Full PDB file with SEQRES, HELIX, SHEET, SSBOND, CRYST1, ORIGX, SCALE, CONECT and MASTER records, all heavy atoms in Angstrom:
SEQRES   1 A   34  ASP PRO GLU THR MET THR LYS LYS ASN VAL THR LEU ASP          
SEQRES   2 A   34  GLU TYR ARG GLU VAL TRP ARG LYS ARG ASP GLU ILE THR          
SEQRES   3 A   34  SER ASN GLN LEU LYS LEU PHE GLY                              
HELIX    1 AA1 LEU A   12  GLU A   14  1                                   3    
HELIX    2 AA2 TYR A   15  TRP A   19  3                                   5    
HELIX    3 AA3 ARG A   20  ASP A   23  1                                   4    
HELIX    4 AA4 SER A   27  LEU A   32  1                                   6    
CRYST1    1.000    1.000    1.000  90.00  90.00  90.00 P 1           1          
ORIGX1      1.000000  0.000000  0.000000        0.00000                         
ORIGX2      0.000000  1.000000  0.000000        0.00000                         
ORIGX3      0.000000  0.000000  1.000000        0.00000                         
SCALE1      1.000000  0.000000  0.000000        0.00000                         
SCALE2      0.000000  1.000000  0.000000        0.00000                         
SCALE3      0.000000  0.000000  1.000000        0.00000                         
ATOM      1  N   ASP A   1     124.480-147.309  -3.130  1.00  0.00           N  
ATOM      2  CA  ASP A   1     125.923-147.189  -3.374  1.00  0.00           C  
ATOM      3  C   ASP A   1     126.110-146.361  -4.690  1.00  0.00           C  
ATOM      4  O   ASP A   1     125.862-146.834  -5.778  1.00  0.00           O  
ATOM      5  CB  ASP A   1     126.585-148.571  -3.583  1.00  0.00           C  
ATOM      6  CG  ASP A   1     128.061-148.499  -3.702  1.00  0.00           C  
ATOM      7  OD1 ASP A   1     128.643-147.377  -3.729  1.00  0.00           O  
ATOM      8  OD2 ASP A   1     128.686-149.578  -3.744  1.00  0.00           O  
ATOM      9  N   PRO A   2     126.572-145.076  -4.521  1.00  0.00           N  
ATOM     10  CA  PRO A   2     126.711-144.248  -5.747  1.00  0.00           C  
ATOM     11  C   PRO A   2     127.789-144.707  -6.685  1.00  0.00           C  
ATOM     12  O   PRO A   2     127.742-144.401  -7.881  1.00  0.00           O  
ATOM     13  CB  PRO A   2     127.050-142.865  -5.138  1.00  0.00           C  
ATOM     14  CG  PRO A   2     127.524-143.105  -3.784  1.00  0.00           C  
ATOM     15  CD  PRO A   2     126.950-144.377  -3.292  1.00  0.00           C  
ATOM     16  N   GLU A   3     128.776-145.480  -6.219  1.00  0.00           N  
ATOM     17  CA  GLU A   3     129.847-145.980  -7.098  1.00  0.00           C  
ATOM     18  C   GLU A   3     129.332-146.979  -8.071  1.00  0.00           C  
ATOM     19  O   GLU A   3     129.705-146.972  -9.276  1.00  0.00           O  
ATOM     20  CB  GLU A   3     130.966-146.527  -6.274  1.00  0.00           C  
ATOM     21  CG  GLU A   3     131.696-145.517  -5.404  1.00  0.00           C  
ATOM     22  CD  GLU A   3     132.773-146.113  -4.569  1.00  0.00           C  
ATOM     23  OE1 GLU A   3     133.028-147.325  -4.687  1.00  0.00           O  
ATOM     24  OE2 GLU A   3     133.336-145.390  -3.730  1.00  0.00           O  
ATOM     25  N   THR A   4     128.455-147.899  -7.621  1.00  0.00           N  
ATOM     26  CA  THR A   4     127.889-148.925  -8.474  1.00  0.00           C  
ATOM     27  C   THR A   4     126.518-148.574  -8.984  1.00  0.00           C  
ATOM     28  O   THR A   4     125.946-149.280  -9.828  1.00  0.00           O  
ATOM     29  CB  THR A   4     127.890-150.250  -7.812  1.00  0.00           C  
ATOM     30  OG1 THR A   4     127.063-150.188  -6.637  1.00  0.00           O  
ATOM     31  CG2 THR A   4     129.246-150.697  -7.416  1.00  0.00           C  
ATOM     32  N   MET A   5     125.879-147.482  -8.474  1.00  0.00           N  
ATOM     33  CA  MET A   5     124.559-147.024  -8.781  1.00  0.00           C  
ATOM     34  C   MET A   5     123.518-148.149  -8.549  1.00  0.00           C  
ATOM     35  O   MET A   5     122.625-148.336  -9.353  1.00  0.00           O  
ATOM     36  CB  MET A   5     124.476-146.491 -10.203  1.00  0.00           C  
ATOM     37  CG  MET A   5     125.260-145.205 -10.382  1.00  0.00           C  
ATOM     38  SD  MET A   5     124.987-144.367 -11.901  1.00  0.00           S  
ATOM     39  CE  MET A   5     125.631-145.456 -13.126  1.00  0.00           C  
ATOM     40  N   THR A   6     123.687-148.841  -7.421  1.00  0.00           N  
ATOM     41  CA  THR A   6     122.771-149.880  -7.037  1.00  0.00           C  
ATOM     42  C   THR A   6     122.466-149.830  -5.563  1.00  0.00           C  
ATOM     43  O   THR A   6     123.208-149.211  -4.797  1.00  0.00           O  
ATOM     44  CB  THR A   6     123.337-151.293  -7.333  1.00  0.00           C  
ATOM     45  OG1 THR A   6     124.580-151.473  -6.592  1.00  0.00           O  
ATOM     46  CG2 THR A   6     123.588-151.492  -8.847  1.00  0.00           C  
ATOM     47  N   LYS A   7     121.376-150.474  -5.152  1.00  0.00           N  
ATOM     48  CA  LYS A   7     121.074-150.616  -3.780  1.00  0.00           C  
ATOM     49  C   LYS A   7     121.746-151.913  -3.270  1.00  0.00           C  
ATOM     50  O   LYS A   7     121.855-152.889  -4.050  1.00  0.00           O  
ATOM     51  CB  LYS A   7     119.581-150.775  -3.532  1.00  0.00           C  
ATOM     52  CG  LYS A   7     118.807-149.513  -3.820  1.00  0.00           C  
ATOM     53  CD  LYS A   7     117.327-149.829  -3.575  1.00  0.00           C  
ATOM     54  CE  LYS A   7     116.437-148.732  -4.122  1.00  0.00           C  
ATOM     55  NZ  LYS A   7     115.030-149.070  -3.987  1.00  0.00           N  
ATOM     56  N   LYS A   8     122.149-151.919  -2.044  1.00  0.00           N  
ATOM     57  CA  LYS A   8     122.722-153.133  -1.487  1.00  0.00           C  
ATOM     58  C   LYS A   8     122.449-153.206  -0.003  1.00  0.00           C  
ATOM     59  O   LYS A   8     122.145-152.218   0.636  1.00  0.00           O  
ATOM     60  CB  LYS A   8     124.217-153.274  -1.734  1.00  0.00           C  
ATOM     61  CG  LYS A   8     125.085-152.257  -1.018  1.00  0.00           C  
ATOM     62  CD  LYS A   8     126.555-152.522  -1.383  1.00  0.00           C  
ATOM     63  CE  LYS A   8     127.496-151.754  -0.514  1.00  0.00           C  
ATOM     64  NZ  LYS A   8     128.872-152.075  -0.766  1.00  0.00           N  
ATOM     65  N   ASN A   9     122.391-154.429   0.516  1.00  0.00           N  
ATOM     66  CA  ASN A   9     122.181-154.650   1.910  1.00  0.00           C  
ATOM     67  C   ASN A   9     123.473-154.753   2.655  1.00  0.00           C  
ATOM     68  O   ASN A   9     124.357-155.533   2.215  1.00  0.00           O  
ATOM     69  CB  ASN A   9     121.384-155.917   2.157  1.00  0.00           C  
ATOM     70  CG  ASN A   9     119.967-155.849   1.625  1.00  0.00           C  
ATOM     71  OD1 ASN A   9     119.419-154.737   1.498  1.00  0.00           O  
ATOM     72  ND2 ASN A   9     119.381-156.940   1.314  1.00  0.00           N  
ATOM     73  N   VAL A  10     123.677-154.035   3.732  1.00  0.00           N  
ATOM     74  CA  VAL A  10     124.887-154.082   4.505  1.00  0.00           C  
ATOM     75  C   VAL A  10     124.537-154.411   5.955  1.00  0.00           C  
ATOM     76  O   VAL A  10     123.433-154.136   6.426  1.00  0.00           O  
ATOM     77  CB  VAL A  10     125.684-152.730   4.458  1.00  0.00           C  
ATOM     78  CG1 VAL A  10     126.137-152.412   3.056  1.00  0.00           C  
ATOM     79  CG2 VAL A  10     124.858-151.562   5.037  1.00  0.00           C  
ATOM     80  N   THR A  11     125.424-155.074   6.660  1.00  0.00           N  
ATOM     81  CA  THR A  11     125.186-155.425   8.039  1.00  0.00           C  
ATOM     82  C   THR A  11     125.124-154.123   8.878  1.00  0.00           C  
ATOM     83  O   THR A  11     125.563-153.041   8.481  1.00  0.00           O  
ATOM     84  CB  THR A  11     126.308-156.267   8.631  1.00  0.00           C  
ATOM     85  OG1 THR A  11     127.519-155.566   8.609  1.00  0.00           O  
ATOM     86  CG2 THR A  11     126.465-157.591   7.805  1.00  0.00           C  
ATOM     87  N   LEU A  12     124.550-154.251  10.049  1.00  0.00           N  
ATOM     88  CA  LEU A  12     124.439-153.089  10.939  1.00  0.00           C  
ATOM     89  C   LEU A  12     125.845-152.553  11.316  1.00  0.00           C  
ATOM     90  O   LEU A  12     126.015-151.320  11.362  1.00  0.00           O  
ATOM     91  CB  LEU A  12     123.699-153.423  12.234  1.00  0.00           C  
ATOM     92  CG  LEU A  12     122.213-153.761  12.016  1.00  0.00           C  
ATOM     93  CD1 LEU A  12     121.610-154.214  13.328  1.00  0.00           C  
ATOM     94  CD2 LEU A  12     121.460-152.611  11.423  1.00  0.00           C  
ATOM     95  N   ASP A  13     126.795-153.427  11.561  1.00  0.00           N  
ATOM     96  CA  ASP A  13     128.151-152.984  11.891  1.00  0.00           C  
ATOM     97  C   ASP A  13     128.765-152.188  10.730  1.00  0.00           C  
ATOM     98  O   ASP A  13     129.394-151.158  10.905  1.00  0.00           O  
ATOM     99  CB  ASP A  13     129.071-154.147  12.243  1.00  0.00           C  
ATOM    100  CG  ASP A  13     128.656-154.743  13.594  1.00  0.00           C  
ATOM    101  OD1 ASP A  13     128.080-154.000  14.440  1.00  0.00           O  
ATOM    102  OD2 ASP A  13     128.949-155.946  13.790  1.00  0.00           O  
ATOM    103  N   GLU A  14     128.619-152.740   9.484  1.00  0.00           N  
ATOM    104  CA  GLU A  14     129.181-152.030   8.321  1.00  0.00           C  
ATOM    105  C   GLU A  14     128.497-150.655   8.124  1.00  0.00           C  
ATOM    106  O   GLU A  14     129.106-149.671   7.803  1.00  0.00           O  
ATOM    107  CB  GLU A  14     129.044-152.869   7.082  1.00  0.00           C  
ATOM    108  CG  GLU A  14     129.620-152.195   5.850  1.00  0.00           C  
ATOM    109  CD  GLU A  14     129.442-152.976   4.538  1.00  0.00           C  
ATOM    110  OE1 GLU A  14     129.061-154.143   4.634  1.00  0.00           O  
ATOM    111  OE2 GLU A  14     129.707-152.396   3.517  1.00  0.00           O  
ATOM    112  N   TYR A  15     127.160-150.625   8.374  1.00  0.00           N  
ATOM    113  CA  TYR A  15     126.431-149.373   8.242  1.00  0.00           C  
ATOM    114  C   TYR A  15     126.980-148.323   9.217  1.00  0.00           C  
ATOM    115  O   TYR A  15     127.216-147.216   8.848  1.00  0.00           O  
ATOM    116  CB  TYR A  15     124.949-149.564   8.452  1.00  0.00           C  
ATOM    117  CG  TYR A  15     124.179-148.296   8.373  1.00  0.00           C  
ATOM    118  CD1 TYR A  15     123.907-147.700   7.152  1.00  0.00           C  
ATOM    119  CD2 TYR A  15     123.769-147.649   9.520  1.00  0.00           C  
ATOM    120  CE1 TYR A  15     123.234-146.522   7.074  1.00  0.00           C  
ATOM    121  CE2 TYR A  15     123.090-146.452   9.454  1.00  0.00           C  
ATOM    122  CZ  TYR A  15     122.773-145.880   8.225  1.00  0.00           C  
ATOM    123  OH  TYR A  15     122.113-144.690   8.165  1.00  0.00           O  
ATOM    124  N   ARG A  16     127.175-148.744  10.476  1.00  0.00           N  
ATOM    125  CA  ARG A  16     127.695-147.826  11.484  1.00  0.00           C  
ATOM    126  C   ARG A  16     129.065-147.301  11.163  1.00  0.00           C  
ATOM    127  O   ARG A  16     129.400-146.150  11.410  1.00  0.00           O  
ATOM    128  CB  ARG A  16     127.623-148.509  12.834  1.00  0.00           C  
ATOM    129  CG  ARG A  16     126.266-148.760  13.354  1.00  0.00           C  
ATOM    130  CD  ARG A  16     126.260-149.585  14.637  1.00  0.00           C  
ATOM    131  NE  ARG A  16     124.935-149.899  15.038  1.00  0.00           N  
ATOM    132  CZ  ARG A  16     124.519-151.078  15.515  1.00  0.00           C  
ATOM    133  NH1 ARG A  16     125.415-152.047  15.687  1.00  0.00           N  
ATOM    134  NH2 ARG A  16     123.290-151.263  15.852  1.00  0.00           N  
ATOM    135  N   GLU A  17     129.918-148.192  10.623  1.00  0.00           N  
ATOM    136  CA  GLU A  17     131.289-147.833  10.330  1.00  0.00           C  
ATOM    137  C   GLU A  17     131.438-146.992   9.049  1.00  0.00           C  
ATOM    138  O   GLU A  17     132.247-146.065   8.990  1.00  0.00           O  
ATOM    139  CB  GLU A  17     132.154-149.054  10.269  1.00  0.00           C  
ATOM    140  CG  GLU A  17     132.338-149.795  11.560  1.00  0.00           C  
ATOM    141  CD  GLU A  17     133.052-151.150  11.407  1.00  0.00           C  
ATOM    142  OE1 GLU A  17     133.629-151.378  10.336  1.00  0.00           O  
ATOM    143  OE2 GLU A  17     133.010-151.916  12.383  1.00  0.00           O  
ATOM    144  N   VAL A  18     130.689-147.372   7.994  1.00  0.00           N  
ATOM    145  CA  VAL A  18     130.920-146.809   6.722  1.00  0.00           C  
ATOM    146  C   VAL A  18     129.843-145.865   6.194  1.00  0.00           C  
ATOM    147  O   VAL A  18     130.142-144.744   5.749  1.00  0.00           O  
ATOM    148  CB  VAL A  18     131.090-147.980   5.675  1.00  0.00           C  
ATOM    149  CG1 VAL A  18     131.307-147.406   4.268  1.00  0.00           C  
ATOM    150  CG2 VAL A  18     132.178-148.901   6.065  1.00  0.00           C  
ATOM    151  N   TRP A  19     128.591-146.227   6.409  1.00  0.00           N  
ATOM    152  CA  TRP A  19     127.505-145.549   5.727  1.00  0.00           C  
ATOM    153  C   TRP A  19     126.796-144.508   6.571  1.00  0.00           C  
ATOM    154  O   TRP A  19     126.202-143.541   6.037  1.00  0.00           O  
ATOM    155  CB  TRP A  19     126.481-146.548   5.196  1.00  0.00           C  
ATOM    156  CG  TRP A  19     127.042-147.488   4.224  1.00  0.00           C  
ATOM    157  CD1 TRP A  19     127.640-148.695   4.509  1.00  0.00           C  
ATOM    158  CD2 TRP A  19     127.182-147.307   2.806  1.00  0.00           C  
ATOM    159  NE1 TRP A  19     128.071-149.288   3.342  1.00  0.00           N  
ATOM    160  CE2 TRP A  19     127.815-148.441   2.294  1.00  0.00           C  
ATOM    161  CE3 TRP A  19     126.824-146.271   1.988  1.00  0.00           C  
ATOM    162  CZ2 TRP A  19     128.097-148.551   0.948  1.00  0.00           C  
ATOM    163  CZ3 TRP A  19     127.042-146.412   0.630  1.00  0.00           C  
ATOM    164  CH2 TRP A  19     127.705-147.599   0.145  1.00  0.00           C  
ATOM    165  N   ARG A  20     126.736-144.629   7.864  1.00  0.00           N  
ATOM    166  CA  ARG A  20     125.897-143.729   8.709  1.00  0.00           C  
ATOM    167  C   ARG A  20     126.328-142.282   8.552  1.00  0.00           C  
ATOM    168  O   ARG A  20     125.479-141.375   8.453  1.00  0.00           O  
ATOM    169  CB  ARG A  20     125.913-144.185  10.165  1.00  0.00           C  
ATOM    170  CG  ARG A  20     125.021-143.247  10.992  1.00  0.00           C  
ATOM    171  CD  ARG A  20     124.658-143.701  12.363  1.00  0.00           C  
ATOM    172  NE  ARG A  20     125.704-144.382  13.079  1.00  0.00           N  
ATOM    173  CZ  ARG A  20     125.492-145.042  14.211  1.00  0.00           C  
ATOM    174  NH1 ARG A  20     124.254-145.079  14.716  1.00  0.00           N  
ATOM    175  NH2 ARG A  20     126.460-145.634  14.843  1.00  0.00           N  
ATOM    176  N   LYS A  21     127.596-141.998   8.562  1.00  0.00           N  
ATOM    177  CA  LYS A  21     128.089-140.627   8.448  1.00  0.00           C  
ATOM    178  C   LYS A  21     127.593-139.992   7.194  1.00  0.00           C  
ATOM    179  O   LYS A  21     127.210-138.804   7.159  1.00  0.00           O  
ATOM    180  CB  LYS A  21     129.599-140.620   8.546  1.00  0.00           C  
ATOM    181  CG  LYS A  21     130.204-139.230   8.599  1.00  0.00           C  
ATOM    182  CD  LYS A  21     129.877-138.560   9.947  1.00  0.00           C  
ATOM    183  CE  LYS A  21     130.616-137.260  10.047  1.00  0.00           C  
ATOM    184  NZ  LYS A  21     130.243-136.505  11.174  1.00  0.00           N  
ATOM    185  N   ARG A  22     127.621-140.760   6.112  1.00  0.00           N  
ATOM    186  CA  ARG A  22     127.117-140.234   4.819  1.00  0.00           C  
ATOM    187  C   ARG A  22     125.648-139.961   4.821  1.00  0.00           C  
ATOM    188  O   ARG A  22     125.151-139.038   4.197  1.00  0.00           O  
ATOM    189  CB  ARG A  22     127.448-141.273   3.761  1.00  0.00           C  
ATOM    190  CG  ARG A  22     127.131-140.810   2.336  1.00  0.00           C  
ATOM    191  CD  ARG A  22     126.845-141.990   1.492  1.00  0.00           C  
ATOM    192  NE  ARG A  22     125.721-142.728   2.040  1.00  0.00           N  
ATOM    193  CZ  ARG A  22     124.876-143.430   1.308  1.00  0.00           C  
ATOM    194  NH1 ARG A  22     125.038-143.510   0.065  1.00  0.00           N  
ATOM    195  NH2 ARG A  22     123.879-144.068   1.894  1.00  0.00           N  
ATOM    196  N   ASP A  23     124.884-140.752   5.601  1.00  0.00           N  
ATOM    197  CA  ASP A  23     123.395-140.615   5.662  1.00  0.00           C  
ATOM    198  C   ASP A  23     122.933-139.597   6.619  1.00  0.00           C  
ATOM    199  O   ASP A  23     121.739-139.383   6.694  1.00  0.00           O  
ATOM    200  CB  ASP A  23     122.791-141.951   6.006  1.00  0.00           C  
ATOM    201  CG  ASP A  23     122.787-142.939   4.817  1.00  0.00           C  
ATOM    202  OD1 ASP A  23     123.096-142.490   3.694  1.00  0.00           O  
ATOM    203  OD2 ASP A  23     122.551-144.122   5.070  1.00  0.00           O  
ATOM    204  N   GLU A  24     123.813-138.956   7.409  1.00  0.00           N  
ATOM    205  CA  GLU A  24     123.368-137.982   8.369  1.00  0.00           C  
ATOM    206  C   GLU A  24     122.693-136.781   7.654  1.00  0.00           C  
ATOM    207  O   GLU A  24     123.160-136.326   6.652  1.00  0.00           O  
ATOM    208  CB  GLU A  24     124.514-137.470   9.215  1.00  0.00           C  
ATOM    209  CG  GLU A  24     124.954-138.464  10.252  1.00  0.00           C  
ATOM    210  CD  GLU A  24     126.060-137.902  11.117  1.00  0.00           C  
ATOM    211  OE1 GLU A  24     126.553-136.769  10.905  1.00  0.00           O  
ATOM    212  OE2 GLU A  24     126.530-138.662  12.005  1.00  0.00           O  
ATOM    213  N   ILE A  25     121.561-136.371   8.190  1.00  0.00           N  
ATOM    214  CA  ILE A  25     120.792-135.281   7.606  1.00  0.00           C  
ATOM    215  C   ILE A  25     121.065-134.043   8.399  1.00  0.00           C  
ATOM    216  O   ILE A  25     120.907-134.022   9.608  1.00  0.00           O  
ATOM    217  CB  ILE A  25     119.316-135.603   7.607  1.00  0.00           C  
ATOM    218  CG1 ILE A  25     119.032-136.829   6.713  1.00  0.00           C  
ATOM    219  CG2 ILE A  25     118.478-134.411   7.130  1.00  0.00           C  
ATOM    220  CD1 ILE A  25     117.632-137.261   6.724  1.00  0.00           C  
ATOM    221  N   THR A  26     121.452-132.943   7.713  1.00  0.00           N  
ATOM    222  CA  THR A  26     121.655-131.667   8.384  1.00  0.00           C  
ATOM    223  C   THR A  26     120.357-131.052   8.761  1.00  0.00           C  
ATOM    224  O   THR A  26     119.301-131.410   8.186  1.00  0.00           O  
ATOM    225  CB  THR A  26     122.477-130.710   7.525  1.00  0.00           C  
ATOM    226  OG1 THR A  26     121.658-130.394   6.360  1.00  0.00           O  
ATOM    227  CG2 THR A  26     123.768-131.324   7.058  1.00  0.00           C  
ATOM    228  N   SER A  27     120.341-130.033   9.649  1.00  0.00           N  
ATOM    229  CA  SER A  27     119.091-129.445  10.029  1.00  0.00           C  
ATOM    230  C   SER A  27     118.463-128.707   8.824  1.00  0.00           C  
ATOM    231  O   SER A  27     117.241-128.626   8.742  1.00  0.00           O  
ATOM    232  CB  SER A  27     119.331-128.446  11.212  1.00  0.00           C  
ATOM    233  OG  SER A  27     120.222-127.441  10.810  1.00  0.00           O  
ATOM    234  N   ASN A  28     119.266-128.172   7.916  1.00  0.00           N  
ATOM    235  CA  ASN A  28     118.712-127.501   6.744  1.00  0.00           C  
ATOM    236  C   ASN A  28     118.018-128.547   5.844  1.00  0.00           C  
ATOM    237  O   ASN A  28     116.949-128.193   5.282  1.00  0.00           O  
ATOM    238  CB  ASN A  28     119.801-126.766   5.933  1.00  0.00           C  
ATOM    239  CG  ASN A  28     120.279-125.538   6.673  1.00  0.00           C  
ATOM    240  OD1 ASN A  28     119.586-124.959   7.494  1.00  0.00           O  
ATOM    241  ND2 ASN A  28     121.462-125.130   6.334  1.00  0.00           N  
ATOM    242  N   GLN A  29     118.582-129.704   5.683  1.00  0.00           N  
ATOM    243  CA  GLN A  29     117.935-130.730   4.925  1.00  0.00           C  
ATOM    244  C   GLN A  29     116.656-131.222   5.548  1.00  0.00           C  
ATOM    245  O   GLN A  29     115.671-131.436   4.885  1.00  0.00           O  
ATOM    246  CB  GLN A  29     118.828-131.922   4.693  1.00  0.00           C  
ATOM    247  CG  GLN A  29     120.070-131.625   3.815  1.00  0.00           C  
ATOM    248  CD  GLN A  29     121.071-132.749   3.865  1.00  0.00           C  
ATOM    249  OE1 GLN A  29     121.351-133.378   4.888  1.00  0.00           O  
ATOM    250  NE2 GLN A  29     121.653-133.063   2.702  1.00  0.00           N  
ATOM    251  N   LEU A  30     116.686-131.334   6.874  1.00  0.00           N  
ATOM    252  CA  LEU A  30     115.514-131.780   7.609  1.00  0.00           C  
ATOM    253  C   LEU A  30     114.341-130.811   7.449  1.00  0.00           C  
ATOM    254  O   LEU A  30     113.196-131.191   7.289  1.00  0.00           O  
ATOM    255  CB  LEU A  30     115.855-131.919   9.120  1.00  0.00           C  
ATOM    256  CG  LEU A  30     114.865-132.650   9.999  1.00  0.00           C  
ATOM    257  CD1 LEU A  30     114.636-134.027   9.495  1.00  0.00           C  
ATOM    258  CD2 LEU A  30     115.325-132.659  11.423  1.00  0.00           C  
ATOM    259  N   LYS A  31     114.620-129.501   7.389  1.00  0.00           N  
ATOM    260  CA  LYS A  31     113.581-128.488   7.169  1.00  0.00           C  
ATOM    261  C   LYS A  31     112.904-128.661   5.810  1.00  0.00           C  
ATOM    262  O   LYS A  31     111.739-128.378   5.679  1.00  0.00           O  
ATOM    263  CB  LYS A  31     114.162-127.100   7.329  1.00  0.00           C  
ATOM    264  CG  LYS A  31     114.476-126.742   8.772  1.00  0.00           C  
ATOM    265  CD  LYS A  31     115.102-125.370   8.825  1.00  0.00           C  
ATOM    266  CE  LYS A  31     115.560-125.075  10.222  1.00  0.00           C  
ATOM    267  NZ  LYS A  31     116.218-123.783  10.355  1.00  0.00           N  
ATOM    268  N   LEU A  32     113.635-129.115   4.828  1.00  0.00           N  
ATOM    269  CA  LEU A  32     113.082-129.362   3.513  1.00  0.00           C  
ATOM    270  C   LEU A  32     111.972-130.425   3.565  1.00  0.00           C  
ATOM    271  O   LEU A  32     111.031-130.431   2.745  1.00  0.00           O  
ATOM    272  CB  LEU A  32     114.135-129.842   2.491  1.00  0.00           C  
ATOM    273  CG  LEU A  32     115.190-128.775   2.111  1.00  0.00           C  
ATOM    274  CD1 LEU A  32     116.260-129.404   1.227  1.00  0.00           C  
ATOM    275  CD2 LEU A  32     114.518-127.616   1.384  1.00  0.00           C  
ATOM    276  N   PHE A  33     112.092-131.365   4.526  1.00  0.00           N  
ATOM    277  CA  PHE A  33     111.096-132.467   4.623  1.00  0.00           C  
ATOM    278  C   PHE A  33     110.054-132.129   5.686  1.00  0.00           C  
ATOM    279  O   PHE A  33     109.312-133.012   6.088  1.00  0.00           O  
ATOM    280  CB  PHE A  33     111.801-133.778   4.942  1.00  0.00           C  
ATOM    281  CG  PHE A  33     112.749-134.188   3.815  1.00  0.00           C  
ATOM    282  CD1 PHE A  33     114.072-134.035   3.912  1.00  0.00           C  
ATOM    283  CD2 PHE A  33     112.200-134.742   2.663  1.00  0.00           C  
ATOM    284  CE1 PHE A  33     114.923-134.434   2.862  1.00  0.00           C  
ATOM    285  CE2 PHE A  33     113.020-135.147   1.587  1.00  0.00           C  
ATOM    286  CZ  PHE A  33     114.382-134.979   1.701  1.00  0.00           C  
ATOM    287  N   GLY A  34     110.026-130.903   6.196  1.00  0.00           N  
ATOM    288  CA  GLY A  34     108.979-130.506   7.089  1.00  0.00           C  
ATOM    289  C   GLY A  34     109.286-130.835   8.571  1.00  0.00           C  
ATOM    290  O   GLY A  34     108.401-130.754   9.407  1.00  0.00           O  
TER     291      GLY A  34                                                      
MASTER        0    0    0    4    0    0    0    6  290    1    0    3          
END                                                                             
């Protein structure tokens, strides 16, 4: 969580609704990781 600068555990439903879009990796980012 960048707002609190901490890690936190969220339920799968909350992850799908709130966090997954933020965690999507673009094809350019994926190329950086091989």
